[in-house]
Protein backbone atom coordinates (compact mmCIF):
# COMPACT_ATOMS: atom_id res chain seq x y z
CA MET A 1 -18.38 25.23 -14.86
CA ASP A 2 -19.70 28.28 -12.98
CA ARG A 3 -17.10 30.76 -11.82
CA VAL A 4 -17.16 30.57 -8.01
CA ASN A 5 -13.59 31.55 -7.27
CA ALA A 6 -13.98 35.32 -7.13
CA THR A 7 -13.50 36.56 -3.59
CA THR A 8 -16.84 37.70 -2.23
CA PRO A 9 -17.30 40.78 0.01
CA SER A 10 -18.25 38.55 2.92
CA ALA A 11 -15.06 36.53 2.53
CA SER A 12 -12.95 39.68 2.53
CA ALA A 13 -14.71 40.98 5.60
CA SER A 14 -14.23 37.77 7.52
CA SER A 15 -10.50 37.75 6.74
CA ALA A 16 -10.12 41.02 8.64
CA ASP A 17 -10.59 39.09 11.88
CA ASP A 18 -7.86 36.60 10.95
CA PRO A 19 -4.33 38.09 10.92
CA ALA A 20 -2.97 35.38 8.62
CA ARG A 21 -5.75 35.88 6.07
CA ALA A 22 -5.45 39.64 6.33
CA ALA A 23 -1.71 39.41 5.65
CA PHE A 24 -2.37 37.16 2.66
CA ALA A 25 -4.98 39.58 1.30
CA ALA A 26 -2.43 42.39 1.58
CA LEU A 27 0.05 40.39 -0.52
CA ARG A 28 -2.47 40.28 -3.36
CA THR A 29 -2.79 44.04 -3.59
CA PRO A 30 -0.69 45.91 -6.20
CA GLU A 31 1.68 47.02 -3.43
CA GLY A 32 2.05 43.46 -2.14
CA GLU A 33 2.65 42.04 -5.63
CA GLN A 34 5.28 44.71 -6.27
CA LEU A 35 7.10 43.76 -3.07
CA LEU A 36 7.02 40.06 -3.95
CA ALA A 37 8.45 40.79 -7.39
CA GLU A 38 11.23 42.84 -5.81
CA LEU A 39 12.03 40.02 -3.37
CA ARG A 40 12.18 37.25 -5.95
CA ASP A 41 15.96 36.89 -5.88
CA HIS A 42 16.69 38.25 -2.45
CA ASP A 43 19.29 36.52 -0.26
CA PRO A 44 17.81 35.28 3.04
CA ALA A 45 21.17 36.05 4.68
CA ASP A 46 20.49 39.75 4.03
CA GLU A 47 16.92 39.65 5.31
CA LEU A 48 17.45 42.00 8.25
CA ALA A 49 18.94 44.71 6.06
CA THR A 50 16.28 44.13 3.40
CA ALA A 51 13.47 44.40 5.95
CA THR A 52 14.92 47.62 7.37
CA ARG A 53 15.14 49.17 3.92
CA LEU A 54 11.66 48.15 2.82
CA ARG A 55 9.99 49.34 6.03
CA ARG A 56 10.97 52.88 5.17
CA THR A 57 8.42 52.87 2.33
CA HIS A 58 6.00 50.05 3.16
CA PRO A 59 3.97 49.01 6.24
CA ALA A 60 5.95 46.75 8.56
CA GLU A 61 3.24 44.05 8.53
CA LEU A 62 3.26 43.91 4.73
CA VAL A 63 7.05 43.69 4.61
CA SER A 64 7.04 40.79 7.09
CA ALA A 65 4.37 38.97 5.11
CA ALA A 66 6.22 39.52 1.83
CA LEU A 67 9.52 38.30 3.24
CA GLY A 68 7.81 35.20 4.61
CA GLN A 69 6.15 34.50 1.27
CA ALA A 70 9.44 35.05 -0.56
CA ARG A 71 11.09 32.41 1.63
CA LEU A 72 8.27 29.98 0.93
CA ARG A 73 8.52 30.57 -2.81
CA GLN A 74 12.22 29.84 -2.76
CA ARG A 75 11.55 26.55 -0.95
CA ALA A 76 8.66 25.68 -3.25
CA ALA A 77 10.77 26.09 -6.41
CA VAL A 78 12.24 22.63 -5.73
CA LYS A 79 8.79 21.03 -5.95
CA PHE A 80 7.02 23.29 -8.44
CA GLY A 81 9.82 24.71 -10.57
CA ALA A 82 10.75 28.39 -10.47
CA GLU A 83 8.37 29.45 -13.24
CA ASP A 84 5.29 28.32 -11.29
CA ALA A 85 6.60 28.82 -7.74
CA TYR A 86 7.25 32.53 -8.20
CA ARG A 87 3.69 33.09 -9.43
CA MET A 88 2.07 30.99 -6.71
CA TYR A 89 1.34 31.53 -3.03
CA PHE A 90 2.16 29.20 -0.17
CA THR A 91 1.68 28.48 3.51
CA PRO A 92 4.41 26.74 5.57
CA ASN A 93 2.35 23.55 5.82
CA GLY A 94 1.39 23.87 2.15
CA VAL A 95 5.01 23.82 1.00
CA GLU A 96 5.81 20.90 3.27
CA GLN A 97 2.83 18.74 2.31
CA ALA A 98 2.24 19.67 -1.34
CA THR A 99 2.81 17.03 -4.00
CA ARG A 100 5.86 17.51 -6.20
CA THR A 101 4.75 18.65 -9.68
CA SER A 102 6.25 15.62 -11.45
CA VAL A 103 4.33 13.22 -9.20
CA ALA A 104 1.07 15.16 -9.46
CA ALA A 105 1.41 15.24 -13.26
CA HIS A 106 1.96 11.47 -13.36
CA ARG A 107 -1.18 10.89 -11.30
CA ALA A 108 -3.20 13.32 -13.41
CA ALA A 109 -2.03 11.55 -16.59
CA ARG A 110 -3.27 8.20 -15.26
CA PHE A 111 -6.69 9.73 -14.60
CA ALA A 112 -6.79 11.45 -17.98
CA GLY A 113 -5.71 8.26 -19.76
CA LEU A 114 -8.82 6.55 -18.43
CA GLY A 115 -11.10 9.28 -19.75
CA VAL A 116 -11.71 11.02 -16.43
CA ARG A 117 -13.04 14.52 -17.07
CA SER A 118 -13.92 15.72 -13.58
CA VAL A 119 -12.38 15.08 -10.15
CA ALA A 120 -13.37 16.01 -6.60
CA ASP A 121 -10.02 16.86 -4.95
CA LEU A 122 -10.65 16.46 -1.23
CA CYS A 123 -8.13 17.97 1.21
CA CYS A 124 -6.68 19.99 -1.69
CA GLY A 125 -4.18 22.00 0.34
CA ILE A 126 -2.63 24.81 -1.67
CA GLY A 127 -3.80 23.18 -4.90
CA GLY A 128 -0.77 21.30 -6.27
CA ASP A 129 -2.76 18.27 -7.42
CA ALA A 130 -5.68 20.37 -8.62
CA ILE A 131 -3.26 22.32 -10.84
CA ALA A 132 -1.86 19.13 -12.37
CA LEU A 133 -5.35 17.75 -12.96
CA ALA A 134 -6.50 20.98 -14.61
CA ARG A 135 -3.44 21.03 -16.85
CA ALA A 136 -4.39 17.53 -17.96
CA GLY A 137 -7.74 18.95 -19.09
CA ILE A 138 -9.74 17.76 -16.08
CA SER A 139 -12.20 20.02 -14.26
CA VAL A 140 -11.67 20.01 -10.50
CA LEU A 141 -13.63 20.73 -7.35
CA ALA A 142 -10.87 21.49 -4.83
CA VAL A 143 -11.99 21.33 -1.19
CA ASP A 144 -10.19 22.26 2.02
CA ARG A 145 -11.69 23.10 5.39
CA ASP A 146 -9.05 25.70 6.34
CA PRO A 147 -10.14 29.17 5.11
CA LEU A 148 -6.61 30.48 4.49
CA THR A 149 -5.54 27.32 2.67
CA ALA A 150 -8.63 27.49 0.47
CA GLU A 151 -7.90 31.15 -0.36
CA VAL A 152 -4.32 30.23 -1.28
CA ALA A 153 -5.52 27.39 -3.53
CA ARG A 154 -7.95 29.77 -5.25
CA ALA A 155 -5.21 32.36 -5.73
CA ASN A 156 -2.92 29.74 -7.23
CA ALA A 157 -5.56 28.58 -9.71
CA GLU A 158 -6.04 32.16 -10.83
CA ALA A 159 -2.32 32.97 -10.92
CA LEU A 160 -1.67 30.04 -13.28
CA GLY A 161 -4.65 30.79 -15.51
CA LEU A 162 -6.63 27.74 -14.39
CA GLY A 163 -9.53 29.45 -12.63
CA GLU A 164 -12.06 28.24 -15.22
CA LEU A 165 -11.17 24.60 -14.52
CA ILE A 166 -10.66 24.71 -10.75
CA GLU A 167 -13.50 25.51 -8.36
CA VAL A 168 -12.24 25.98 -4.81
CA ARG A 169 -14.59 25.43 -1.89
CA CYS A 170 -13.88 25.89 1.83
CA ALA A 171 -15.78 23.05 3.47
CA ASP A 172 -15.51 19.83 5.47
CA VAL A 173 -14.67 17.14 2.91
CA THR A 174 -16.90 14.64 4.69
CA GLU A 175 -19.91 16.78 3.73
CA ILE A 176 -19.15 16.98 0.01
CA ASP A 177 -21.39 15.18 -2.48
CA THR A 178 -18.95 13.60 -4.94
CA ALA A 179 -21.63 11.87 -7.03
CA PRO A 180 -21.43 14.39 -9.93
CA TYR A 181 -17.70 13.69 -10.48
CA ASP A 182 -15.98 10.99 -12.51
CA ALA A 183 -13.40 10.38 -9.82
CA VAL A 184 -12.32 11.32 -6.30
CA PHE A 185 -8.83 12.18 -5.10
CA VAL A 186 -8.19 12.28 -1.35
CA ASP A 187 -4.99 13.54 0.27
CA PRO A 188 -5.54 13.18 4.03
CA ALA A 189 -3.43 15.27 6.40
CA ARG A 190 -0.59 13.12 7.72
CA ARG A 191 0.95 15.62 10.09
CA GLY A 192 -0.22 16.71 13.50
CA GLY A 193 1.03 18.90 16.30
CA ARG A 194 3.77 16.35 17.07
CA GLY A 195 4.96 15.79 13.51
CA ARG A 196 4.29 12.93 11.10
CA ILE A 197 1.35 10.59 11.72
CA PHE A 198 2.11 6.93 11.03
CA ASP A 199 -1.23 5.37 11.97
CA PRO A 200 -3.49 5.57 8.87
CA GLU A 201 -6.55 5.81 11.12
CA ALA A 202 -5.08 8.93 12.68
CA TYR A 203 -4.97 10.68 9.29
CA SER A 204 -7.42 13.54 8.87
CA PRO A 205 -9.76 12.23 7.58
CA PRO A 206 -8.95 8.62 8.56
CA LEU A 207 -7.92 6.17 5.87
CA SER A 208 -11.09 4.13 6.50
CA TRP A 209 -13.25 7.15 5.62
CA ALA A 210 -11.16 7.93 2.54
CA THR A 211 -11.39 4.31 1.40
CA ALA A 212 -15.17 4.31 1.81
CA ALA A 213 -15.38 7.54 -0.22
CA ALA A 214 -13.18 5.99 -2.91
CA LEU A 215 -15.28 2.85 -3.18
CA LYS A 216 -18.43 4.95 -3.77
CA ALA A 217 -16.88 6.71 -6.77
CA PRO A 218 -16.44 5.34 -10.31
CA GLY A 219 -12.68 5.92 -9.88
CA ALA A 220 -10.48 7.19 -7.10
CA ALA A 221 -6.96 7.76 -5.85
CA LEU A 222 -5.85 8.07 -2.22
CA LYS A 223 -2.47 9.60 -1.42
CA ILE A 224 -0.82 7.81 1.50
CA ALA A 225 2.57 7.72 3.22
CA PRO A 226 5.11 5.45 1.47
CA GLY A 227 5.77 3.58 4.70
CA ILE A 228 2.18 2.37 5.10
CA PRO A 229 2.05 -1.29 6.20
CA HIS A 230 0.91 -3.51 3.33
CA GLU A 231 -1.64 -5.14 5.60
CA ALA A 232 -3.41 -1.75 5.91
CA ILE A 233 -4.13 -1.80 2.15
CA GLY A 234 -7.44 -3.38 1.22
CA PRO A 235 -7.74 -5.92 -1.62
CA GLU A 236 -9.87 -3.49 -3.65
CA ALA A 237 -6.92 -1.16 -4.30
CA GLU A 238 -4.03 -1.12 -6.71
CA ALA A 239 -1.10 0.20 -4.67
CA GLU A 240 1.57 2.29 -6.39
CA TRP A 241 4.81 3.61 -4.94
CA ILE A 242 6.42 6.51 -6.81
CA SER A 243 10.03 7.64 -6.73
CA ASP A 244 11.42 10.75 -8.39
CA GLY A 245 15.12 10.97 -9.14
CA GLY A 246 15.68 7.90 -6.97
CA ASP A 247 13.85 9.25 -3.89
CA VAL A 248 10.55 7.66 -2.85
CA LYS A 249 8.03 10.49 -2.69
CA GLU A 250 4.68 8.90 -1.98
CA ALA A 251 2.30 6.02 -2.39
CA VAL A 252 -1.16 6.12 -3.92
CA LEU A 253 -4.06 3.67 -3.80
CA TRP A 254 -6.09 3.42 -7.01
CA TYR A 255 -9.71 2.22 -7.18
CA GLY A 256 -12.12 1.57 -10.01
CA GLU A 257 -12.17 0.43 -13.60
CA GLY A 258 -8.80 0.49 -15.34
CA PHE A 259 -6.80 -0.43 -12.24
CA ALA A 260 -5.70 -3.83 -10.95
CA PRO A 261 -7.11 -4.57 -7.47
CA GLY A 262 -4.67 -6.32 -5.16
CA SER A 263 -1.62 -5.56 -7.31
CA PHE A 264 1.53 -3.66 -6.37
CA ARG A 265 3.33 -1.21 -8.64
CA ALA A 266 6.57 0.78 -8.53
CA THR A 267 6.88 3.82 -10.81
CA LEU A 268 10.11 5.70 -11.42
CA LEU A 269 10.11 9.34 -12.48
CA PRO A 270 11.08 11.13 -14.60
CA SER A 271 11.40 8.10 -16.93
CA GLY A 272 7.91 6.77 -16.17
CA ALA A 273 9.21 3.20 -16.01
CA THR A 274 6.73 1.08 -14.07
CA LEU A 275 7.01 -2.41 -12.63
CA SER A 276 3.99 -4.30 -11.34
CA ALA A 277 2.98 -7.70 -10.03
CA PRO A 278 -0.49 -9.09 -9.25
CA ALA A 279 0.70 -10.22 -5.82
CA PRO A 280 4.00 -10.52 -3.94
CA LEU A 281 6.22 -13.38 -5.12
CA PRO A 282 7.59 -16.00 -2.71
CA ALA A 283 10.75 -15.10 -0.81
CA PRO A 284 13.72 -15.03 -3.22
CA PRO A 285 16.77 -17.27 -2.84
CA VAL A 286 19.77 -16.19 -0.79
CA GLY A 287 23.34 -16.98 -1.75
CA PRO A 288 26.97 -15.86 -1.93
CA VAL A 289 28.02 -12.54 -3.40
CA GLY A 290 28.68 -12.79 -7.13
CA ARG A 291 30.60 -10.48 -9.45
CA TYR A 292 27.72 -7.98 -9.58
CA LEU A 293 25.58 -6.23 -6.98
CA TYR A 294 22.29 -4.43 -7.65
CA GLU A 295 20.63 -1.78 -5.52
CA PRO A 296 16.87 -1.66 -6.22
CA ASP A 297 15.08 1.67 -6.43
CA GLY A 298 13.32 2.57 -3.20
CA ALA A 299 9.89 2.37 -4.84
CA VAL A 300 10.60 -1.24 -5.82
CA ILE A 301 11.55 -2.04 -2.23
CA ARG A 302 8.49 -0.32 -0.77
CA ALA A 303 6.22 -2.17 -3.22
CA HIS A 304 7.77 -5.50 -2.17
CA LEU A 305 8.84 -6.21 -5.75
CA VAL A 306 12.48 -7.08 -5.04
CA ALA A 307 11.70 -10.77 -5.55
CA ASP A 308 10.44 -9.91 -9.03
CA LEU A 309 13.80 -8.35 -9.91
CA VAL A 310 15.69 -11.31 -8.45
CA GLU A 311 13.72 -13.59 -10.73
CA ARG A 312 14.29 -11.35 -13.77
CA CYS A 313 18.06 -11.18 -13.35
CA GLY A 314 18.49 -14.82 -12.30
CA GLY A 315 20.18 -13.70 -9.12
CA ARG A 316 19.78 -13.96 -5.38
CA LEU A 317 19.83 -11.84 -2.23
CA VAL A 318 23.02 -11.47 -0.22
CA ASP A 319 20.98 -11.78 3.00
CA GLU A 320 17.34 -12.65 3.55
CA THR A 321 16.73 -9.35 5.35
CA ILE A 322 18.69 -7.02 3.01
CA ALA A 323 17.47 -5.65 -0.33
CA TYR A 324 20.76 -6.10 -2.20
CA ILE A 325 20.65 -8.44 -5.19
CA THR A 326 23.72 -10.23 -6.54
CA SER A 327 24.40 -12.22 -9.70
CA ASP A 328 27.27 -13.74 -11.64
CA GLU A 329 26.26 -12.10 -14.93
CA PRO A 330 25.61 -8.39 -15.63
CA TYR A 331 22.00 -7.24 -15.66
CA SER A 332 20.65 -3.91 -16.90
CA SER A 333 17.35 -2.49 -15.70
CA PRO A 334 15.92 0.96 -14.89
CA TYR A 335 14.83 -0.42 -11.52
CA VAL A 336 18.32 -1.07 -10.17
CA ALA A 337 21.72 0.61 -9.92
CA GLY A 338 24.39 -1.97 -10.78
CA TYR A 339 27.95 -2.37 -9.49
CA ARG A 340 30.86 -4.66 -10.28
CA ILE A 341 32.20 -6.03 -7.00
CA THR A 342 35.98 -6.28 -6.64
CA ASP A 343 36.34 -7.16 -2.95
CA GLU A 344 34.35 -8.81 -0.17
CA LEU A 345 35.72 -8.33 3.35
CA PRO A 346 34.50 -9.00 6.88
CA PHE A 347 33.67 -5.69 8.55
CA ASN A 348 37.00 -4.21 9.67
CA MET A 349 37.84 -0.53 9.54
CA LYS A 350 41.61 -1.05 9.52
CA ARG A 351 41.49 -3.49 6.62
CA LEU A 352 39.25 -1.14 4.63
CA LYS A 353 41.57 1.81 5.27
CA ALA A 354 44.61 -0.19 4.15
CA LEU A 355 42.84 -1.37 1.00
CA LEU A 356 41.69 2.13 0.04
CA ARG A 357 45.19 3.51 0.60
CA GLU A 358 46.65 0.73 -1.56
CA ARG A 359 44.11 1.49 -4.33
CA GLN A 360 44.76 5.28 -4.00
CA VAL A 361 41.06 5.98 -3.48
CA GLY A 362 40.41 9.66 -2.85
CA VAL A 363 36.67 9.67 -3.60
CA LEU A 364 34.58 7.13 -1.69
CA THR A 365 30.83 6.62 -2.01
CA VAL A 366 29.42 4.88 1.07
CA LYS A 367 26.16 2.95 0.93
CA LYS A 368 24.67 0.96 3.75
CA ARG A 369 21.85 -1.42 4.57
CA GLY A 370 21.82 -3.31 7.81
CA SER A 371 24.76 -1.37 9.29
CA ALA A 372 24.83 1.20 12.10
CA VAL A 373 27.96 2.93 10.79
CA GLU A 374 27.38 6.48 9.51
CA PRO A 375 28.85 7.19 6.04
CA GLU A 376 30.37 10.55 7.04
CA GLU A 377 32.07 9.01 10.07
CA LEU A 378 33.52 6.22 7.93
CA ARG A 379 34.86 8.66 5.34
CA ARG A 380 36.44 10.76 8.10
CA ARG A 381 38.23 7.76 9.58
CA MET A 382 39.53 6.56 6.19
CA LYS A 383 41.61 9.75 5.65
CA LEU A 384 41.23 9.38 1.90
CA SER A 385 43.93 10.42 -0.53
CA GLY A 386 44.37 9.60 -4.19
CA SER A 387 42.96 10.06 -7.67
CA ASN A 388 40.72 6.97 -7.83
CA ALA A 389 37.11 6.42 -6.81
CA ALA A 390 35.27 3.47 -5.29
CA THR A 391 31.97 2.51 -3.69
CA VAL A 392 31.78 0.59 -0.42
CA PHE A 393 28.65 -1.21 0.76
CA LEU A 394 28.29 -1.73 4.51
CA THR A 395 25.83 -4.56 4.87
CA ARG A 396 25.25 -8.13 6.03
CA VAL A 397 25.99 -11.22 3.97
CA ALA A 398 24.35 -14.37 5.32
CA GLY A 399 23.93 -12.55 8.63
CA ALA A 400 27.57 -11.46 8.99
CA PRO A 401 28.65 -7.78 8.91
CA THR A 402 30.43 -7.36 5.60
CA MET A 403 32.09 -4.73 3.41
CA LEU A 404 31.73 -4.96 -0.39
CA ILE A 405 33.88 -2.72 -2.57
CA GLY A 406 33.08 -2.04 -6.19
CA HIS A 407 32.41 0.40 -9.04
CA PRO A 408 29.20 1.48 -10.80
CA LEU A 409 28.38 -0.33 -14.03
CA GLY A 410 28.34 1.88 -17.08
C-alpha cells in the first residue's frame, strides 16, 4: 500500500484557519508531546492549579489543549486500555462514539477468519475499528469527512505503528469507490445536535445507503444501535448483538459469503460465547415461578433469543412480557445468570422489609423488570442491617406485581 498518511504542507496550512486543528497540530510537536506525557497521571480535581503552573512555561493555548486531551485520554482508557489510550489522540465525539477495543477486535476476527485482507472503513471516526482490523492483518482504507477527525485517525495509526496498514482519507464516504476492497465496514453517525438518533434513516449516512453499499461488496458489516427495530433489518443480513461484561454495546449487520442471512446472533465478550438461531422461535410458554430463576444476557434479549433459552432449559417465562425464565431444575449456561428462589411475595414494601430484617440481610442486590420502583430508593427504605446477602427481583408474574427473593447459583 502506498504511504499517504504523511501530513502534506497544504494540509498543515489549511489547519491554521481552524482553531481545533491548529490546537491538535500543536499537541503533536515535541513541546506538546512533552506536556501530554507530564499530564498522564494528573488529577482533574487539581486542574486549575496545574494549568496555572504550566502556563508559566508554555503558551496558554497549548496548555488548554493538552489538558483537554489528557481528560479525553483518561476517559478513553476504559474503551482502549491505558497502554493504547495514552499513546492515542481523541476528540470528545470520538471518545463517545468509538467502538470498545474488545468489540472491534471481535469484529475484525470475524472478517479475518473469512480470509478478508482489505476493508474500506467508512465513517472511521478516530480509527478504533481501523486499528483492530490492521492488528488482525487487514489493510484498511479509513474514511471520514471531518478534517480534524481524519487527522486524529491518521495520528492514531502512526502512534500505534500501523501506518503501513491504514490509509486515512478525508472525504465524503458516498463518493468512495469500494470495488478494490474485499469488504466494507460502515459506522454511520448516530448522534446529532439533540443527542442520540433512533431513526435508522436519520443516521449519517442513512441505513438505506449503508445497506446498499454493503450489498455491492463481497462482504460487509454495518454497525447499528442495539435498539434498532427488528423490522428495520433486511432479510439479506445476519444480525448480531454484542455484549461485553454483561453490558450490550452494539449491534452489527453482516452481509456476504460466510454469514447467515436472516439469522439472529448474540455474542458475549470476553468469553466469545455465541448463540444463534435462523429465525425467531414461537412465543415461549408462561407458567408459575419454579425453584430457579434465570436472567438472560442483554444481547440474548436484544436478539430475541430468549425463547431459544427457554427451550434449552425446559423452562418457561414468569410473564409473557418479561424476560425472566424460570424452571424447576437447575440450568447452567453462559447466556444466563441463575438464582435459587426462596420466596415469592406480592409487591409489598412492609412485608419485604420485615422478611429482610428476619433474615438479617445487610447486603441487598435489587434487580427489576416491569417495575417502576428505583433500586436505590428501595434499599433506602429497607434500612438494611445484618451479615447476610440476598437478591430481590421486582417484576410481574402472570401480570401481577411481584417480589422474588433468592441467591445467585454458584
